Amino acid sequence: MVAIVRRCVNNALQGDPKYFAAFLQLVRPTGLLDEEPEPSSTQSISAEDEAILATFIERLQGMSNTLDGEGPSTEAEVVGTVPEAEPEEKA
């Protein structure tokens, strides 16, 4: 039964009108087509998320300034990290 439903759904998604009609007949008795979608909740973002976004915007602006010939001169300054030191060779 699961294989039949999967085939029906896959073929309906590929645009086959026969399978789309069959899919509607399978779904209609469940009542999923009759329900109104729930309104999305408007959640406020946390202070931590706001800080992350502010940092991201600052970095984007810094990258924009770099493209204009201003701002940080190295990738480490743009990304905000310190480049790793190259390993020393042993003699």
N, C-alpha and C. Protein backbone atom coordinates (compact mmCIF):
# COMPACT_ATOMS: atom_id res chain seq x y z
N MET A 1 0.82 -1.20 0.00
CA MET A 1 0.00 0.00 0.00
C MET A 1 0.87 1.26 0.00
N VAL A 2 1.95 1.24 0.78
CA VAL A 2 2.84 2.40 0.86
C VAL A 2 3.46 2.67 -0.51
N ALA A 3 3.83 1.62 -1.21
CA ALA A 3 4.44 1.79 -2.53
C ALA A 3 3.45 2.42 -3.51
N ILE A 4 2.19 2.07 -3.42
CA ILE A 4 1.17 2.63 -4.30
C ILE A 4 1.00 4.13 -4.02
N VAL A 5 0.95 4.48 -2.75
CA VAL A 5 0.79 5.89 -2.38
C VAL A 5 2.02 6.69 -2.82
N ARG A 6 3.22 6.14 -2.61
CA ARG A 6 4.43 6.83 -3.04
C ARG A 6 4.44 7.06 -4.54
N ARG A 7 4.08 6.04 -5.29
CA ARG A 7 4.06 6.17 -6.75
C ARG A 7 3.04 7.23 -7.16
N CYS A 8 1.90 7.21 -6.52
CA CYS A 8 0.85 8.19 -6.83
C CYS A 8 1.35 9.61 -6.56
N VAL A 9 1.96 9.80 -5.39
CA VAL A 9 2.46 11.13 -5.02
C VAL A 9 3.57 11.56 -5.96
N ASN A 10 4.53 10.68 -6.23
CA ASN A 10 5.64 11.03 -7.11
C ASN A 10 5.16 11.41 -8.51
N ASN A 11 4.26 10.62 -9.05
CA ASN A 11 3.75 10.92 -10.40
C ASN A 11 2.90 12.19 -10.40
N ALA A 12 2.16 12.44 -9.33
CA ALA A 12 1.37 13.67 -9.24
C ALA A 12 2.30 14.88 -9.19
N LEU A 13 3.41 14.76 -8.45
CA LEU A 13 4.36 15.86 -8.37
C LEU A 13 5.08 16.10 -9.69
N GLN A 14 5.16 15.08 -10.51
CA GLN A 14 5.80 15.23 -11.82
C GLN A 14 4.83 15.78 -12.85
N GLY A 15 3.58 16.02 -12.45
CA GLY A 15 2.63 16.68 -13.33
C GLY A 15 1.68 15.77 -14.06
N ASP A 16 1.62 14.51 -13.71
CA ASP A 16 0.70 13.58 -14.37
C ASP A 16 -0.72 13.82 -13.85
N PRO A 17 -1.63 14.31 -14.69
CA PRO A 17 -2.98 14.66 -14.23
C PRO A 17 -3.77 13.46 -13.70
N LYS A 18 -3.54 12.28 -14.26
CA LYS A 18 -4.25 11.08 -13.79
C LYS A 18 -3.86 10.78 -12.35
N TYR A 19 -2.57 10.85 -12.06
CA TYR A 19 -2.12 10.56 -10.70
C TYR A 19 -2.45 11.70 -9.75
N PHE A 20 -2.51 12.93 -10.25
CA PHE A 20 -2.90 14.04 -9.41
C PHE A 20 -4.35 13.87 -8.95
N ALA A 21 -5.21 13.46 -9.84
CA ALA A 21 -6.61 13.19 -9.49
C ALA A 21 -6.70 12.06 -8.47
N ALA A 22 -5.89 11.02 -8.68
CA ALA A 22 -5.88 9.90 -7.74
C ALA A 22 -5.38 10.36 -6.37
N PHE A 23 -4.37 11.22 -6.37
CA PHE A 23 -3.84 11.76 -5.11
C PHE A 23 -4.92 12.55 -4.37
N LEU A 24 -5.67 13.38 -5.11
CA LEU A 24 -6.75 14.15 -4.47
C LEU A 24 -7.79 13.23 -3.87
N GLN A 25 -8.10 12.14 -4.56
CA GLN A 25 -9.08 11.19 -4.03
C GLN A 25 -8.56 10.52 -2.76
N LEU A 26 -7.25 10.31 -2.68
CA LEU A 26 -6.67 9.72 -1.47
C LEU A 26 -6.67 10.70 -0.31
N VAL A 27 -6.45 11.96 -0.59
CA VAL A 27 -6.29 12.96 0.47
C VAL A 27 -7.63 13.51 0.95
N ARG A 28 -8.60 13.62 0.06
CA ARG A 28 -9.89 14.23 0.41
C ARG A 28 -10.52 13.64 1.67
N PRO A 29 -10.59 12.33 1.84
CA PRO A 29 -11.23 11.79 3.05
C PRO A 29 -10.52 12.14 4.35
N THR A 30 -9.25 12.51 4.29
CA THR A 30 -8.52 12.85 5.51
C THR A 30 -8.91 14.21 6.05
N GLY A 31 -9.48 15.08 5.21
CA GLY A 31 -9.89 16.41 5.63
C GLY A 31 -8.76 17.42 5.55
N LEU A 32 -7.60 17.03 5.06
CA LEU A 32 -6.48 17.96 4.97
C LEU A 32 -6.75 19.10 4.00
N LEU A 33 -7.57 18.86 2.99
CA LEU A 33 -7.85 19.90 2.01
C LEU A 33 -8.89 20.90 2.52
N ASP A 34 -9.63 20.53 3.57
CA ASP A 34 -10.69 21.39 4.09
C ASP A 34 -10.20 22.35 5.17
N GLU A 35 -9.04 22.06 5.76
CA GLU A 35 -8.56 22.85 6.88
C GLU A 35 -7.96 24.17 6.41
N GLU A 36 -8.23 25.21 7.19
CA GLU A 36 -7.60 26.50 6.95
C GLU A 36 -6.20 26.44 7.54
N PRO A 37 -5.22 26.96 6.83
CA PRO A 37 -3.88 26.95 7.41
C PRO A 37 -3.81 27.85 8.63
N GLU A 38 -3.02 27.42 9.63
CA GLU A 38 -2.87 28.22 10.83
C GLU A 38 -2.02 29.45 10.51
N PRO A 39 -2.41 30.59 11.05
CA PRO A 39 -1.59 31.78 10.79
C PRO A 39 -0.22 31.60 11.42
N SER A 40 0.78 32.07 10.72
CA SER A 40 2.14 31.92 11.25
C SER A 40 2.32 32.85 12.44
N SER A 41 3.03 32.35 13.40
CA SER A 41 3.27 33.17 14.58
C SER A 41 4.44 34.10 14.31
N THR A 42 4.32 35.29 14.80
CA THR A 42 5.40 36.26 14.64
C THR A 42 6.21 36.25 15.92
N GLN A 43 7.25 35.46 15.91
CA GLN A 43 8.10 35.35 17.08
C GLN A 43 9.15 36.44 17.04
N SER A 44 9.38 37.04 18.19
CA SER A 44 10.44 38.04 18.24
C SER A 44 11.77 37.30 18.37
N ILE A 45 12.80 37.90 17.83
CA ILE A 45 14.09 37.24 17.89
C ILE A 45 14.78 37.61 19.20
N SER A 46 15.64 36.72 19.66
CA SER A 46 16.31 36.94 20.93
C SER A 46 17.43 37.97 20.77
N ALA A 47 17.92 38.45 21.89
CA ALA A 47 19.02 39.42 21.88
C ALA A 47 20.26 38.79 21.25
N GLU A 48 20.46 37.50 21.50
CA GLU A 48 21.61 36.79 20.93
C GLU A 48 21.51 36.76 19.40
N ASP A 49 20.31 36.48 18.89
CA ASP A 49 20.10 36.47 17.44
C ASP A 49 20.32 37.86 16.84
N GLU A 50 19.86 38.89 17.54
CA GLU A 50 20.07 40.26 17.06
C GLU A 50 21.55 40.59 16.98
N ALA A 51 22.32 40.14 17.97
CA ALA A 51 23.77 40.38 17.98
C ALA A 51 24.43 39.66 16.81
N ILE A 52 24.00 38.44 16.54
CA ILE A 52 24.56 37.68 15.42
C ILE A 52 24.28 38.39 14.11
N LEU A 53 23.04 38.86 13.94
CA LEU A 53 22.68 39.58 12.72
C LEU A 53 23.47 40.88 12.59
N ALA A 54 23.65 41.60 13.68
CA ALA A 54 24.41 42.85 13.63
C ALA A 54 25.86 42.58 13.22
N THR A 55 26.46 41.52 13.76
CA THR A 55 27.82 41.16 13.40
C THR A 55 27.91 40.79 11.93
N PHE A 56 26.94 40.05 11.46
CA PHE A 56 26.90 39.64 10.06
C PHE A 56 26.81 40.86 9.14
N ILE A 57 25.96 41.79 9.48
CA ILE A 57 25.79 43.00 8.67
C ILE A 57 27.08 43.82 8.66
N GLU A 58 27.73 43.92 9.82
CA GLU A 58 29.01 44.65 9.88
C GLU A 58 30.04 43.99 8.98
N ARG A 59 30.10 42.67 9.00
CA ARG A 59 31.06 41.97 8.14
C ARG A 59 30.76 42.19 6.67
N LEU A 60 29.47 42.16 6.33
CA LEU A 60 29.10 42.41 4.94
C LEU A 60 29.52 43.81 4.51
N GLN A 61 29.29 44.78 5.38
CA GLN A 61 29.68 46.14 5.07
C GLN A 61 31.19 46.26 4.95
N GLY A 62 31.92 45.55 5.79
CA GLY A 62 33.37 45.55 5.71
C GLY A 62 33.85 44.94 4.41
N MET A 63 33.18 43.88 3.96
CA MET A 63 33.55 43.26 2.70
C MET A 63 33.24 44.20 1.55
N SER A 64 32.15 44.93 1.65
CA SER A 64 31.78 45.89 0.61
C SER A 64 32.83 46.99 0.53
N ASN A 65 33.30 47.48 1.70
CA ASN A 65 34.33 48.51 1.73
C ASN A 65 35.63 47.98 1.13
N THR A 66 35.93 46.72 1.36
CA THR A 66 37.15 46.12 0.81
C THR A 66 37.08 46.11 -0.71
N LEU A 67 35.92 45.81 -1.24
CA LEU A 67 35.77 45.81 -2.70
C LEU A 67 35.92 47.21 -3.27
N ASP A 68 35.58 48.20 -2.47
CA ASP A 68 35.70 49.59 -2.91
C ASP A 68 37.10 50.14 -2.70
N GLY A 69 38.00 49.33 -2.15
CA GLY A 69 39.36 49.79 -1.89
C GLY A 69 39.54 50.37 -0.51
N GLU A 70 38.56 50.22 0.36
CA GLU A 70 38.65 50.73 1.71
C GLU A 70 38.58 49.57 2.68
N GLY A 71 38.68 49.86 3.95
CA GLY A 71 38.45 48.86 4.98
C GLY A 71 39.59 47.89 5.14
N PRO A 72 39.29 46.71 5.71
CA PRO A 72 40.32 45.74 6.03
C PRO A 72 41.11 45.33 4.80
N SER A 73 42.40 45.05 5.03
CA SER A 73 43.25 44.73 3.90
C SER A 73 43.53 43.24 3.77
N THR A 74 43.24 42.47 4.81
CA THR A 74 43.50 41.03 4.73
C THR A 74 42.21 40.26 4.96
N GLU A 75 42.22 39.03 4.53
CA GLU A 75 41.04 38.18 4.72
C GLU A 75 40.77 37.96 6.19
N ALA A 76 41.82 37.84 7.00
CA ALA A 76 41.65 37.63 8.43
C ALA A 76 40.92 38.80 9.07
N GLU A 77 41.20 40.02 8.61
CA GLU A 77 40.51 41.18 9.17
C GLU A 77 39.05 41.20 8.75
N VAL A 78 38.75 40.73 7.53
CA VAL A 78 37.37 40.71 7.06
C VAL A 78 36.57 39.67 7.82
N VAL A 79 37.14 38.47 7.96
CA VAL A 79 36.44 37.37 8.60
C VAL A 79 36.44 37.54 10.11
N GLY A 80 37.44 38.22 10.63
CA GLY A 80 37.49 38.43 12.07
C GLY A 80 38.24 37.31 12.77
N THR A 81 39.10 36.60 12.06
CA THR A 81 39.87 35.54 12.67
C THR A 81 41.34 35.81 12.47
N VAL A 82 42.12 35.11 13.23
CA VAL A 82 43.56 35.23 13.11
C VAL A 82 44.04 34.05 12.25
N PRO A 83 44.84 34.30 11.20
CA PRO A 83 45.29 33.19 10.36
C PRO A 83 46.19 32.26 11.16
N GLU A 84 46.09 30.97 10.86
CA GLU A 84 46.91 29.98 11.54
C GLU A 84 48.35 30.10 11.09
N ALA A 85 49.26 29.89 12.04
CA ALA A 85 50.68 29.91 11.71
C ALA A 85 51.04 28.66 10.95
N GLU A 86 51.94 28.81 9.99
CA GLU A 86 52.37 27.66 9.22
C GLU A 86 53.26 26.79 10.10
N PRO A 87 53.15 25.47 9.98
CA PRO A 87 53.97 24.59 10.81
C PRO A 87 55.45 24.76 10.49
N GLU A 88 56.26 24.74 11.55
CA GLU A 88 57.71 24.87 11.37
C GLU A 88 58.28 23.57 10.86
N GLU A 89 59.24 23.69 9.96
CA GLU A 89 59.90 22.49 9.44
C GLU A 89 61.03 22.12 10.34
N LYS A 90 61.16 20.82 10.60
CA LYS A 90 62.25 20.33 11.45
C LYS A 90 63.43 20.03 10.56
N ALA A 91 64.62 20.37 11.04
CA ALA A 91 65.85 20.16 10.24
C ALA A 91 66.39 18.77 10.38
